[in-house]
Amino acid sequence: TPHGEAERVIEYALFAIYLVFVVDYVLRLSFAQPRAKSF
């Protein structure tokens, strides 16, 4: 349970990691055929 700056850095890092996984999902969905079934 960090506080202050450490807490903020961890939150930003976790958000960036979430974005990595969202981008990965979108890319995989764009490659999939048929897309609706993969979604």
PDB file of all heavy atoms in Angstrom:
ATOM      1  N   THR A   1       0.813  -1.214   0.000  1.00  0.00           N
ATOM      2  CA  THR A   1       0.000   0.000   0.000  1.00  0.00           C
ATOM      3  C   THR A   1       0.854   1.275   0.000  1.00  0.00           C
ATOM      4  O   THR A   1       0.907   2.000   0.996  1.00  0.00           O
ATOM      5  CB  THR A   1      -0.987   0.024   1.178  1.00  0.00           C
ATOM      6  OG1 THR A   1      -0.264  -0.084   2.393  1.00  0.00           O
ATOM      7  CG2 THR A   1      -2.016  -1.069   1.065  1.00  0.00           C
ATOM      8  N   PRO A   2       1.543   1.534  -1.106  1.00  0.00           N
ATOM      9  CA  PRO A   2       2.390   2.730  -1.175  1.00  0.00           C
ATOM     10  C   PRO A   2       1.547   4.007  -1.138  1.00  0.00           C
ATOM     11  O   PRO A   2       0.354   3.994  -1.441  1.00  0.00           O
ATOM     12  CB  PRO A   2       3.108   2.579  -2.509  1.00  0.00           C
ATOM     13  CG  PRO A   2       2.207   1.721  -3.314  1.00  0.00           C
ATOM     14  CD  PRO A   2       1.522   0.805  -2.357  1.00  0.00           C
ATOM     15  N   HIS A   3       2.193   5.104  -0.764  1.00  0.00           N
ATOM     16  CA  HIS A   3       1.521   6.403  -0.695  1.00  0.00           C
ATOM     17  C   HIS A   3       2.351   7.434  -1.451  1.00  0.00           C
ATOM     18  O   HIS A   3       3.534   7.243  -1.685  1.00  0.00           O
ATOM     19  CB  HIS A   3       1.359   6.839   0.764  1.00  0.00           C
ATOM     20  CG  HIS A   3       0.534   5.888   1.558  1.00  0.00           C
ATOM     21  ND1 HIS A   3      -0.823   5.781   1.417  1.00  0.00           N
ATOM     22  CD2 HIS A   3       0.883   4.967   2.493  1.00  0.00           C
ATOM     23  CE1 HIS A   3      -1.282   4.849   2.238  1.00  0.00           C
ATOM     24  NE2 HIS A   3      -0.257   4.341   2.902  1.00  0.00           N
ATOM     25  N   GLY A   4       1.710   8.523  -1.800  1.00  0.00           N
ATOM     26  CA  GLY A   4       2.409   9.639  -2.428  1.00  0.00           C
ATOM     27  C   GLY A   4       2.871   9.324  -3.830  1.00  0.00           C
ATOM     28  O   GLY A   4       2.139   8.753  -4.636  1.00  0.00           O
ATOM     29  N   GLU A   5       4.103   9.713  -4.109  1.00  0.00           N
ATOM     30  CA  GLU A   5       4.663   9.579  -5.455  1.00  0.00           C
ATOM     31  C   GLU A   5       4.758   8.123  -5.892  1.00  0.00           C
ATOM     32  O   GLU A   5       4.503   7.799  -7.057  1.00  0.00           O
ATOM     33  CB  GLU A   5       6.048  10.239  -5.502  1.00  0.00           C
ATOM     34  CG  GLU A   5       6.628  10.337  -6.894  1.00  0.00           C
ATOM     35  CD  GLU A   5       5.857  11.271  -7.806  1.00  0.00           C
ATOM     36  OE1 GLU A   5       5.189  12.200  -7.310  1.00  0.00           O
ATOM     37  OE2 GLU A   5       5.932  11.067  -9.029  1.00  0.00           O
ATOM     38  N   ALA A   6       5.103   7.230  -5.000  1.00  0.00           N
ATOM     39  CA  ALA A   6       5.219   5.809  -5.342  1.00  0.00           C
ATOM     40  C   ALA A   6       3.873   5.253  -5.801  1.00  0.00           C
ATOM     41  O   ALA A   6       3.803   4.500  -6.773  1.00  0.00           O
ATOM     42  CB  ALA A   6       5.747   5.015  -4.163  1.00  0.00           C
ATOM     43  N   GLU A   7       2.822   5.644  -5.114  1.00  0.00           N
ATOM     44  CA  GLU A   7       1.483   5.191  -5.490  1.00  0.00           C
ATOM     45  C   GLU A   7       1.119   5.688  -6.891  1.00  0.00           C
ATOM     46  O   GLU A   7       0.586   4.943  -7.713  1.00  0.00           O
ATOM     47  CB  GLU A   7       0.449   5.679  -4.481  1.00  0.00           C
ATOM     48  CG  GLU A   7      -0.964   5.258  -4.812  1.00  0.00           C
ATOM     49  CD  GLU A   7      -1.960   5.806  -3.817  1.00  0.00           C
ATOM     50  OE1 GLU A   7      -1.661   6.819  -3.138  1.00  0.00           O
ATOM     51  OE2 GLU A   7      -3.044   5.230  -3.731  1.00  0.00           O
ATOM     52  N   ARG A   8       1.443   6.932  -7.160  1.00  0.00           N
ATOM     53  CA  ARG A   8       1.131   7.534  -8.457  1.00  0.00           C
ATOM     54  C   ARG A   8       1.916   6.836  -9.586  1.00  0.00           C
ATOM     55  O   ARG A   8       1.369   6.536 -10.626  1.00  0.00           O
ATOM     56  CB  ARG A   8       1.438   9.031  -8.419  1.00  0.00           C
ATOM     57  CG  ARG A   8       0.857   9.814  -9.546  1.00  0.00           C
ATOM     58  CD  ARG A   8       0.932  11.331  -9.397  1.00  0.00           C
ATOM     59  NE  ARG A   8       1.785  11.875  -8.353  1.00  0.00           N
ATOM     60  CZ  ARG A   8       1.375  12.231  -7.125  1.00  0.00           C
ATOM     61  NH1 ARG A   8       0.112  12.064  -6.789  1.00  0.00           N
ATOM     62  NH2 ARG A   8       2.210  12.738  -6.250  1.00  0.00           N
ATOM     63  N   VAL A   9       3.190   6.560  -9.348  1.00  0.00           N
ATOM     64  CA  VAL A   9       4.015   5.879 -10.349  1.00  0.00           C
ATOM     65  C   VAL A   9       3.470   4.483 -10.639  1.00  0.00           C
ATOM     66  O   VAL A   9       3.378   4.069 -11.800  1.00  0.00           O
ATOM     67  CB  VAL A   9       5.486   5.807  -9.884  1.00  0.00           C
ATOM     68  CG1 VAL A   9       6.298   4.870 -10.756  1.00  0.00           C
ATOM     69  CG2 VAL A   9       6.102   7.199  -9.869  1.00  0.00           C
ATOM     70  N   ILE A  10       3.075   3.764  -9.603  1.00  0.00           N
ATOM     71  CA  ILE A  10       2.526   2.421  -9.798  1.00  0.00           C
ATOM     72  C   ILE A  10       1.216   2.486 -10.572  1.00  0.00           C
ATOM     73  O   ILE A  10       0.973   1.675 -11.469  1.00  0.00           O
ATOM     74  CB  ILE A  10       2.355   1.703  -8.444  1.00  0.00           C
ATOM     75  CG1 ILE A  10       3.740   1.356  -7.886  1.00  0.00           C
ATOM     76  CG2 ILE A  10       1.491   0.461  -8.569  1.00  0.00           C
ATOM     77  CD1 ILE A  10       3.717   0.804  -6.486  1.00  0.00           C
ATOM     78  N   GLU A  11       0.362   3.447 -10.251  1.00  0.00           N
ATOM     79  CA  GLU A  11      -0.901   3.584 -10.970  1.00  0.00           C
ATOM     80  C   GLU A  11      -0.678   3.882 -12.453  1.00  0.00           C
ATOM     81  O   GLU A  11      -1.339   3.304 -13.314  1.00  0.00           O
ATOM     82  CB  GLU A  11      -1.770   4.683 -10.338  1.00  0.00           C
ATOM     83  CG  GLU A  11      -2.323   4.306  -8.993  1.00  0.00           C
ATOM     84  CD  GLU A  11      -3.235   3.099  -9.033  1.00  0.00           C
ATOM     85  OE1 GLU A  11      -4.021   2.940  -9.992  1.00  0.00           O
ATOM     86  OE2 GLU A  11      -3.148   2.294  -8.090  1.00  0.00           O
ATOM     87  N   TYR A  12       0.251   4.783 -12.761  1.00  0.00           N
ATOM     88  CA  TYR A  12       0.558   5.085 -14.164  1.00  0.00           C
ATOM     89  C   TYR A  12       1.129   3.865 -14.875  1.00  0.00           C
ATOM     90  O   TYR A  12       0.801   3.590 -16.028  1.00  0.00           O
ATOM     91  CB  TYR A  12       1.523   6.262 -14.278  1.00  0.00           C
ATOM     92  CG  TYR A  12       0.904   7.601 -13.964  1.00  0.00           C
ATOM     93  CD1 TYR A  12       1.614   8.553 -13.255  1.00  0.00           C
ATOM     94  CD2 TYR A  12      -0.385   7.915 -14.366  1.00  0.00           C
ATOM     95  CE1 TYR A  12       1.062   9.789 -12.955  1.00  0.00           C
ATOM     96  CE2 TYR A  12      -0.949   9.142 -14.062  1.00  0.00           C
ATOM     97  CZ  TYR A  12      -0.214  10.080 -13.362  1.00  0.00           C
ATOM     98  OH  TYR A  12      -0.773  11.288 -13.068  1.00  0.00           O
ATOM     99  N   ALA A  13       1.997   3.123 -14.211  1.00  0.00           N
ATOM    100  CA  ALA A  13       2.588   1.929 -14.811  1.00  0.00           C
ATOM    101  C   ALA A  13       1.520   0.872 -15.072  1.00  0.00           C
ATOM    102  O   ALA A  13       1.508   0.243 -16.141  1.00  0.00           O
ATOM    103  CB  ALA A  13       3.681   1.376 -13.910  1.00  0.00           C
ATOM    104  N   LEU A  14       0.612   0.674 -14.120  1.00  0.00           N
ATOM    105  CA  LEU A  14      -0.476  -0.288 -14.324  1.00  0.00           C
ATOM    106  C   LEU A  14      -1.381   0.142 -15.471  1.00  0.00           C
ATOM    107  O   LEU A  14      -1.812  -0.691 -16.278  1.00  0.00           O
ATOM    108  CB  LEU A  14      -1.282  -0.469 -13.034  1.00  0.00           C
ATOM    109  CG  LEU A  14      -0.590  -1.247 -11.926  1.00  0.00           C
ATOM    110  CD1 LEU A  14      -1.415  -1.190 -10.644  1.00  0.00           C
ATOM    111  CD2 LEU A  14      -0.337  -2.672 -12.338  1.00  0.00           C
ATOM    112  N   PHE A  15      -1.652   1.426 -15.572  1.00  0.00           N
ATOM    113  CA  PHE A  15      -2.472   1.924 -16.675  1.00  0.00           C
ATOM    114  C   PHE A  15      -1.777   1.674 -18.013  1.00  0.00           C
ATOM    115  O   PHE A  15      -2.418   1.252 -18.981  1.00  0.00           O
ATOM    116  CB  PHE A  15      -2.765   3.423 -16.491  1.00  0.00           C
ATOM    117  CG  PHE A  15      -3.636   3.981 -17.568  1.00  0.00           C
ATOM    118  CD1 PHE A  15      -4.990   3.702 -17.598  1.00  0.00           C
ATOM    119  CD2 PHE A  15      -3.101   4.781 -18.562  1.00  0.00           C
ATOM    120  CE1 PHE A  15      -5.803   4.214 -18.603  1.00  0.00           C
ATOM    121  CE2 PHE A  15      -3.899   5.296 -19.563  1.00  0.00           C
ATOM    122  CZ  PHE A  15      -5.256   5.014 -19.578  1.00  0.00           C
ATOM    123  N   ALA A  16      -0.473   1.912 -18.075  1.00  0.00           N
ATOM    124  CA  ALA A  16       0.285   1.667 -19.309  1.00  0.00           C
ATOM    125  C   ALA A  16       0.242   0.190 -19.672  1.00  0.00           C
ATOM    126  O   ALA A  16       0.109  -0.169 -20.854  1.00  0.00           O
ATOM    127  CB  ALA A  16       1.722   2.144 -19.138  1.00  0.00           C
ATOM    128  N   ILE A  17       0.324  -0.673 -18.676  1.00  0.00           N
ATOM    129  CA  ILE A  17       0.254  -2.113 -18.943  1.00  0.00           C
ATOM    130  C   ILE A  17      -1.131  -2.495 -19.444  1.00  0.00           C
ATOM    131  O   ILE A  17      -1.265  -3.299 -20.375  1.00  0.00           O
ATOM    132  CB  ILE A  17       0.652  -2.904 -17.680  1.00  0.00           C
ATOM    133  CG1 ILE A  17       2.152  -2.737 -17.429  1.00  0.00           C
ATOM    134  CG2 ILE A  17       0.284  -4.367 -17.820  1.00  0.00           C
ATOM    135  CD1 ILE A  17       2.624  -3.301 -16.109  1.00  0.00           C
ATOM    136  N   TYR A  18      -2.178  -1.912 -18.866  1.00  0.00           N
ATOM    137  CA  TYR A  18      -3.521  -2.159 -19.381  1.00  0.00           C
ATOM    138  C   TYR A  18      -3.607  -1.772 -20.857  1.00  0.00           C
ATOM    139  O   TYR A  18      -4.195  -2.481 -21.670  1.00  0.00           O
ATOM    140  CB  TYR A  18      -4.579  -1.363 -18.600  1.00  0.00           C
ATOM    141  CG  TYR A  18      -4.834  -1.823 -17.196  1.00  0.00           C
ATOM    142  CD1 TYR A  18      -5.003  -0.899 -16.175  1.00  0.00           C
ATOM    143  CD2 TYR A  18      -4.924  -3.162 -16.867  1.00  0.00           C
ATOM    144  CE1 TYR A  18      -5.253  -1.297 -14.878  1.00  0.00           C
ATOM    145  CE2 TYR A  18      -5.175  -3.578 -15.566  1.00  0.00           C
ATOM    146  CZ  TYR A  18      -5.334  -2.640 -14.585  1.00  0.00           C
ATOM    147  OH  TYR A  18      -5.583  -3.037 -13.300  1.00  0.00           O
ATOM    148  N   LEU A  19      -3.018  -0.639 -21.202  1.00  0.00           N
ATOM    149  CA  LEU A  19      -3.041  -0.198 -22.596  1.00  0.00           C
ATOM    150  C   LEU A  19      -2.314  -1.176 -23.508  1.00  0.00           C
ATOM    151  O   LEU A  19      -2.763  -1.423 -24.636  1.00  0.00           O
ATOM    152  CB  LEU A  19      -2.433   1.197 -22.733  1.00  0.00           C
ATOM    153  CG  LEU A  19      -3.278   2.345 -22.199  1.00  0.00           C
ATOM    154  CD1 LEU A  19      -2.538   3.670 -22.377  1.00  0.00           C
ATOM    155  CD2 LEU A  19      -4.621   2.389 -22.886  1.00  0.00           C
ATOM    156  N   VAL A  20      -1.213  -1.738 -23.044  1.00  0.00           N
ATOM    157  CA  VAL A  20      -0.491  -2.741 -23.844  1.00  0.00           C
ATOM    158  C   VAL A  20      -1.412  -3.914 -24.147  1.00  0.00           C
ATOM    159  O   VAL A  20      -1.485  -4.378 -25.295  1.00  0.00           O
ATOM    160  CB  VAL A  20       0.782  -3.220 -23.104  1.00  0.00           C
ATOM    161  CG1 VAL A  20       1.369  -4.460 -23.778  1.00  0.00           C
ATOM    162  CG2 VAL A  20       1.813  -2.107 -23.050  1.00  0.00           C
ATOM    163  N   PHE A  21      -2.147  -4.375 -23.168  1.00  0.00           N
ATOM    164  CA  PHE A  21      -3.036  -5.510 -23.388  1.00  0.00           C
ATOM    165  C   PHE A  21      -4.242  -5.133 -24.260  1.00  0.00           C
ATOM    166  O   PHE A  21      -4.715  -5.965 -25.040  1.00  0.00           O
ATOM    167  CB  PHE A  21      -3.478  -6.124 -22.065  1.00  0.00           C
ATOM    168  CG  PHE A  21      -2.392  -6.907 -21.394  1.00  0.00           C
ATOM    169  CD1 PHE A  21      -1.941  -6.544 -20.143  1.00  0.00           C
ATOM    170  CD2 PHE A  21      -1.791  -7.989 -22.016  1.00  0.00           C
ATOM    171  CE1 PHE A  21      -0.933  -7.255 -19.520  1.00  0.00           C
ATOM    172  CE2 PHE A  21      -0.779  -8.704 -21.409  1.00  0.00           C
ATOM    173  CZ  PHE A  21      -0.349  -8.343 -20.158  1.00  0.00           C
ATOM    174  N   VAL A  22      -4.720  -3.931 -24.151  1.00  0.00           N
ATOM    175  CA  VAL A  22      -5.817  -3.489 -25.030  1.00  0.00           C
ATOM    176  C   VAL A  22      -5.333  -3.426 -26.481  1.00  0.00           C
ATOM    177  O   VAL A  22      -6.023  -3.897 -27.393  1.00  0.00           O
ATOM    178  CB  VAL A  22      -6.378  -2.123 -24.568  1.00  0.00           C
ATOM    179  CG1 VAL A  22      -7.275  -1.510 -25.625  1.00  0.00           C
ATOM    180  CG2 VAL A  22      -7.119  -2.279 -23.253  1.00  0.00           C
ATOM    181  N   VAL A  23      -4.150  -2.879 -26.698  1.00  0.00           N
ATOM    182  CA  VAL A  23      -3.592  -2.814 -28.052  1.00  0.00           C
ATOM    183  C   VAL A  23      -3.380  -4.226 -28.593  1.00  0.00           C
ATOM    184  O   VAL A  23      -3.694  -4.511 -29.750  1.00  0.00           O
ATOM    185  CB  VAL A  23      -2.278  -2.002 -28.075  1.00  0.00           C
ATOM    186  CG1 VAL A  23      -1.537  -2.162 -29.382  1.00  0.00           C
ATOM    187  CG2 VAL A  23      -2.569  -0.537 -27.791  1.00  0.00           C
ATOM    188  N   ASP A  24      -2.875  -5.122 -27.765  1.00  0.00           N
ATOM    189  CA  ASP A  24      -2.687  -6.512 -28.185  1.00  0.00           C
ATOM    190  C   ASP A  24      -4.023  -7.124 -28.598  1.00  0.00           C
ATOM    191  O   ASP A  24      -4.118  -7.776 -29.630  1.00  0.00           O
ATOM    192  CB  ASP A  24      -2.047  -7.320 -27.060  1.00  0.00           C
ATOM    193  CG  ASP A  24      -1.935  -8.788 -27.396  1.00  0.00           C
ATOM    194  OD1 ASP A  24      -1.234  -9.125 -28.384  1.00  0.00           O
ATOM    195  OD2 ASP A  24      -2.532  -9.613 -26.674  1.00  0.00           O
ATOM    196  N   TYR A  25      -5.065  -6.908 -27.805  1.00  0.00           N
ATOM    197  CA  TYR A  25      -6.385  -7.460 -28.117  1.00  0.00           C
ATOM    198  C   TYR A  25      -6.910  -6.911 -29.441  1.00  0.00           C
ATOM    199  O   TYR A  25      -7.411  -7.665 -30.275  1.00  0.00           O
ATOM    200  CB  TYR A  25      -7.372  -7.152 -26.990  1.00  0.00           C
ATOM    201  CG  TYR A  25      -8.739  -7.711 -27.251  1.00  0.00           C
ATOM    202  CD1 TYR A  25      -8.996  -9.051 -27.064  1.00  0.00           C
ATOM    203  CD2 TYR A  25      -9.768  -6.890 -27.714  1.00  0.00           C
ATOM    204  CE1 TYR A  25     -10.249  -9.573 -27.319  1.00  0.00           C
ATOM    205  CE2 TYR A  25     -11.018  -7.411 -27.974  1.00  0.00           C
ATOM    206  CZ  TYR A  25     -11.253  -8.757 -27.770  1.00  0.00           C
ATOM    207  OH  TYR A  25     -12.493  -9.273 -28.043  1.00  0.00           O
ATOM    208  N   VAL A  26      -6.771  -5.613 -29.638  1.00  0.00           N
ATOM    209  CA  VAL A  26      -7.261  -4.994 -30.870  1.00  0.00           C
ATOM    210  C   VAL A  26      -6.498  -5.537 -32.085  1.00  0.00           C
ATOM    211  O   VAL A  26      -7.107  -5.833 -33.122  1.00  0.00           O
ATOM    212  CB  VAL A  26      -7.168  -3.455 -30.787  1.00  0.00           C
ATOM    213  CG1 VAL A  26      -7.416  -2.807 -32.128  1.00  0.00           C
ATOM    214  CG2 VAL A  26      -8.147  -2.930 -29.743  1.00  0.00           C
ATOM    215  N   LEU A  27      -5.192  -5.688 -31.952  1.00  0.00           N
ATOM    216  CA  LEU A  27      -4.407  -6.238 -33.061  1.00  0.00           C
ATOM    217  C   LEU A  27      -4.801  -7.673 -33.354  1.00  0.00           C
ATOM    218  O   LEU A  27      -4.955  -8.054 -34.525  1.00  0.00           O
ATOM    219  CB  LEU A  27      -2.914  -6.142 -32.758  1.00  0.00           C
ATOM    220  CG  LEU A  27      -2.326  -4.744 -32.846  1.00  0.00           C
ATOM    221  CD1 LEU A  27      -0.891  -4.743 -32.348  1.00  0.00           C
ATOM    222  CD2 LEU A  27      -2.396  -4.219 -34.267  1.00  0.00           C
ATOM    223  N   ARG A  28      -4.964  -8.476 -32.322  1.00  0.00           N
ATOM    224  CA  ARG A  28      -5.383  -9.860 -32.545  1.00  0.00           C
ATOM    225  C   ARG A  28      -6.758  -9.912 -33.190  1.00  0.00           C
ATOM    226  O   ARG A  28      -7.009 -10.745 -34.059  1.00  0.00           O
ATOM    227  CB  ARG A  28      -5.403 -10.636 -31.234  1.00  0.00           C
ATOM    228  CG  ARG A  28      -4.034 -10.945 -30.711  1.00  0.00           C
ATOM    229  CD  ARG A  28      -4.133 -11.589 -29.329  1.00  0.00           C
ATOM    230  NE  ARG A  28      -2.847 -11.738 -28.736  1.00  0.00           N
ATOM    231  CZ  ARG A  28      -2.103 -12.841 -28.824  1.00  0.00           C
ATOM    232  NH1 ARG A  28      -2.553 -13.880 -29.480  1.00  0.00           N
ATOM    233  NH2 ARG A  28      -0.924 -12.887 -28.259  1.00  0.00           N
ATOM    234  N   LEU A  29      -7.640  -9.043 -32.776  1.00  0.00           N
ATOM    235  CA  LEU A  29      -8.976  -8.992 -33.369  1.00  0.00           C
ATOM    236  C   LEU A  29      -8.910  -8.578 -34.825  1.00  0.00           C
ATOM    237  O   LEU A  29      -9.640  -9.109 -35.663  1.00  0.00           O
ATOM    238  CB  LEU A  29      -9.861  -8.029 -32.576  1.00  0.00           C
ATOM    239  CG  LEU A  29     -11.334  -7.990 -32.952  1.00  0.00           C
ATOM    240  CD1 LEU A  29     -11.973  -9.353 -32.748  1.00  0.00           C
ATOM    241  CD2 LEU A  29     -12.049  -6.941 -32.114  1.00  0.00           C
ATOM    242  N   SER A  30      -8.012  -7.660 -35.153  1.00  0.00           N
ATOM    243  CA  SER A  30      -7.904  -7.222 -36.549  1.00  0.00           C
ATOM    244  C   SER A  30      -7.356  -8.325 -37.448  1.00  0.00           C
ATOM    245  O   SER A  30      -7.661  -8.372 -38.633  1.00  0.00           O
ATOM    246  CB  SER A  30      -7.021  -5.975 -36.649  1.00  0.00           C
ATOM    247  OG  SER A  30      -5.676  -6.310 -36.411  1.00  0.00           O
ATOM    248  N   PHE A  31      -6.547  -9.244 -36.900  1.00  0.00           N
ATOM    249  CA  PHE A  31      -6.011 -10.355 -37.686  1.00  0.00           C
ATOM    250  C   PHE A  31      -6.993 -11.515 -37.798  1.00  0.00           C
ATOM    251  O   PHE A  31      -6.875 -12.340 -38.700  1.00  0.00           O
ATOM    252  CB  PHE A  31      -4.713 -10.892 -37.069  1.00  0.00           C
ATOM    253  CG  PHE A  31      -3.574  -9.918 -37.107  1.00  0.00           C
ATOM    254  CD1 PHE A  31      -2.688  -9.846 -36.048  1.00  0.00           C
ATOM    255  CD2 PHE A  31      -3.362  -9.076 -38.180  1.00  0.00           C
ATOM    256  CE1 PHE A  31      -1.620  -8.964 -36.062  1.00  0.00           C
ATOM    257  CE2 PHE A  31      -2.308  -8.190 -38.205  1.00  0.00           C
ATOM    258  CZ  PHE A  31      -1.433  -8.132 -37.145  1.00  0.00           C
ATOM    259  N   ALA A  32      -7.922 -11.623 -36.876  1.00  0.00           N
ATOM    260  CA  ALA A  32      -8.812 -12.779 -36.804  1.00  0.00           C
ATOM    261  C   ALA A  32      -9.845 -12.769 -37.927  1.00  0.00           C
ATOM    262  O   ALA A  32     -10.305 -11.723 -38.354  1.00  0.00           O
ATOM    263  CB  ALA A  32      -9.515 -12.795 -35.458  1.00  0.00           C
ATOM    264  N   GLN A  33     -10.185 -13.964 -38.346  1.00  0.00           N
ATOM    265  CA  GLN A  33     -11.242 -14.137 -39.338  1.00  0.00           C
ATOM    266  C   GLN A  33     -12.152 -15.245 -38.848  1.00  0.00           C
ATOM    267  O   GLN A  33     -11.657 -16.320 -38.548  1.00  0.00           O
ATOM    268  CB  GLN A  33     -10.660 -14.495 -40.701  1.00  0.00           C
ATOM    269  CG  GLN A  33      -9.835 -13.418 -41.331  1.00  0.00           C
ATOM    270  CD  GLN A  33     -10.657 -12.187 -41.678  1.00  0.00           C
ATOM    271  OE1 GLN A  33     -11.851 -12.290 -41.962  1.00  0.00           O
ATOM    272  NE2 GLN A  33     -10.036 -11.023 -41.627  1.00  0.00           N
ATOM    273  N   PRO A  34     -13.407 -15.149 -38.771  1.00  0.00           N
ATOM    274  CA  PRO A  34     -14.215 -13.939 -38.814  1.00  0.00           C
ATOM    275  C   PRO A  34     -14.093 -13.160 -37.505  1.00  0.00           C
ATOM    276  O   PRO A  34     -13.971 -13.731 -36.435  1.00  0.00           O
ATOM    277  CB  PRO A  34     -15.625 -14.458 -39.014  1.00  0.00           C
ATOM    278  CG  PRO A  34     -15.617 -15.812 -38.400  1.00  0.00           C
ATOM    279  CD  PRO A  34     -14.222 -16.350 -38.591  1.00  0.00           C
ATOM    280  N   ARG A  35     -14.127 -11.866 -37.625  1.00  0.00           N
ATOM    281  CA  ARG A  35     -13.899 -10.997 -36.470  1.00  0.00           C
ATOM    282  C   ARG A  35     -14.990 -11.100 -35.410  1.00  0.00           C
ATOM    283  O   ARG A  35     -14.709 -11.101 -34.226  1.00  0.00           O
ATOM    284  CB  ARG A  35     -13.747  -9.549 -36.925  1.00  0.00           C
ATOM    285  CG  ARG A  35     -12.423  -9.313 -37.573  1.00  0.00           C
ATOM    286  CD  ARG A  35     -12.207  -7.847 -37.892  1.00  0.00           C
ATOM    287  NE  ARG A  35     -10.930  -7.706 -38.550  1.00  0.00           N
ATOM    288  CZ  ARG A  35     -10.779  -7.673 -39.863  1.00  0.00           C
ATOM    289  NH1 ARG A  35     -11.824  -7.737 -40.641  1.00  0.00           N
ATOM    290  NH2 ARG A  35      -9.582  -7.555 -40.385  1.00  0.00           N
ATOM    291  N   ALA A  36     -16.230 -11.163 -35.830  1.00  0.00           N
ATOM    292  CA  ALA A  36     -17.333 -11.192 -34.868  1.00  0.00           C
ATOM    293  C   ALA A  36     -17.230 -12.423 -33.964  1.00  0.00           C
ATOM    294  O   ALA A  36     -17.417 -12.318 -32.758  1.00  0.00           O
ATOM    295  CB  ALA A  36     -18.665 -11.182 -35.586  1.00  0.00           C
ATOM    296  N   LYS A  37     -16.896 -13.563 -34.529  1.00  0.00           N
ATOM    297  CA  LYS A  37     -16.754 -14.784 -33.721  1.00  0.00           C
ATOM    298  C   LYS A  37     -15.591 -14.632 -32.743  1.00  0.00           C
ATOM    299  O   LYS A  37     -15.697 -15.033 -31.588  1.00  0.00           O
ATOM    300  CB  LYS A  37     -16.524 -15.975 -34.637  1.00  0.00           C
ATOM    301  CG  LYS A  37     -16.428 -17.282 -33.899  1.00  0.00           C
ATOM    302  CD  LYS A  37     -16.209 -18.431 -34.866  1.00  0.00           C
ATOM    303  CE  LYS A  37     -16.014 -19.720 -34.101  1.00  0.00           C
ATOM    304  NZ  LYS A  37     -15.665 -20.820 -34.984  1.00  0.00           N
ATOM    305  N   SER A  38     -14.496 -14.040 -33.166  1.00  0.00           N
ATOM    306  CA  SER A  38     -13.334 -13.854 -32.294  1.00  0.00           C
ATOM    307  C   SER A  38     -13.629 -12.845 -31.201  1.00  0.00           C
ATOM    308  O   SER A  38     -13.133 -12.973 -30.087  1.00  0.00           O
ATOM    309  CB  SER A  38     -12.139 -13.382 -33.107  1.00  0.00           C
ATOM    310  OG  SER A  38     -11.782 -14.349 -34.055  1.00  0.00           O
ATOM    311  N   PHE A  39     -14.426 -11.833 -31.521  1.00  0.00           N
ATOM    312  CA  PHE A  39     -14.748 -10.814 -30.537  1.00  0.00           C
ATOM    313  C   PHE A  39     -15.521 -11.378 -29.362  1.00  0.00           C
ATOM    314  O   PHE A  39     -15.280 -11.034 -28.220  1.00  0.00           O
ATOM    315  CB  PHE A  39     -15.550  -9.695 -31.207  1.00  0.00           C
ATOM    316  CG  PHE A  39     -15.904  -8.568 -30.276  1.00  0.00           C
ATOM    317  CD1 PHE A  39     -14.954  -7.654 -29.890  1.00  0.00           C
ATOM    318  CD2 PHE A  39     -17.188  -8.446 -29.777  1.00  0.00           C
ATOM    319  CE1 PHE A  39     -15.264  -6.606 -29.029  1.00  0.00           C
ATOM    320  CE2 PHE A  39     -17.518  -7.421 -28.929  1.00  0.00           C
ATOM    321  CZ  PHE A  39     -16.558  -6.493 -28.553  1.00  0.00           C
TER     322      PHE A  39
END
